[in-house]
Amino acid sequence: MEFDVAHLARLARLDPHDPGLSGLSDDLRRIVGFVGELTSVPDRTPEEAAAEAASGAGLDALRPDVPAPSFPRAALLAAAPSEEDGCYAVPVAIEKGVAK
């Protein structure tokens, strides 16, 4: 299976001439091949999945869900580049559908 990497790059708003995209076709071929292998994974009906979850099967490897102390909010906000109303302030990365 071949991919038009330049077309995909334009759709993703990437420079189609970027040298970093040279191996993308091989990467995409491997990803699509892996996704194709997923069809061989046995699937379960919702009833089978619910019965397994209700039985607790496979949960013995998980730790107990017990509340534990967390970091103090002031210490976390002290490391934040910007803070607003007691929360991290995150700059706008995408505006009106155009990546900056």
Foldseek 3Di string as FASTA:
>chain_A
DFDPQLVVCVVVVHHSPPPVCPCVRVVVVVVVVVVVCCVVDDDDDPVVVVVCVVVCPPVVVPDDPDDDDDDDLVVVVVPAPDDDPSHRDDDDQDDPNDGD
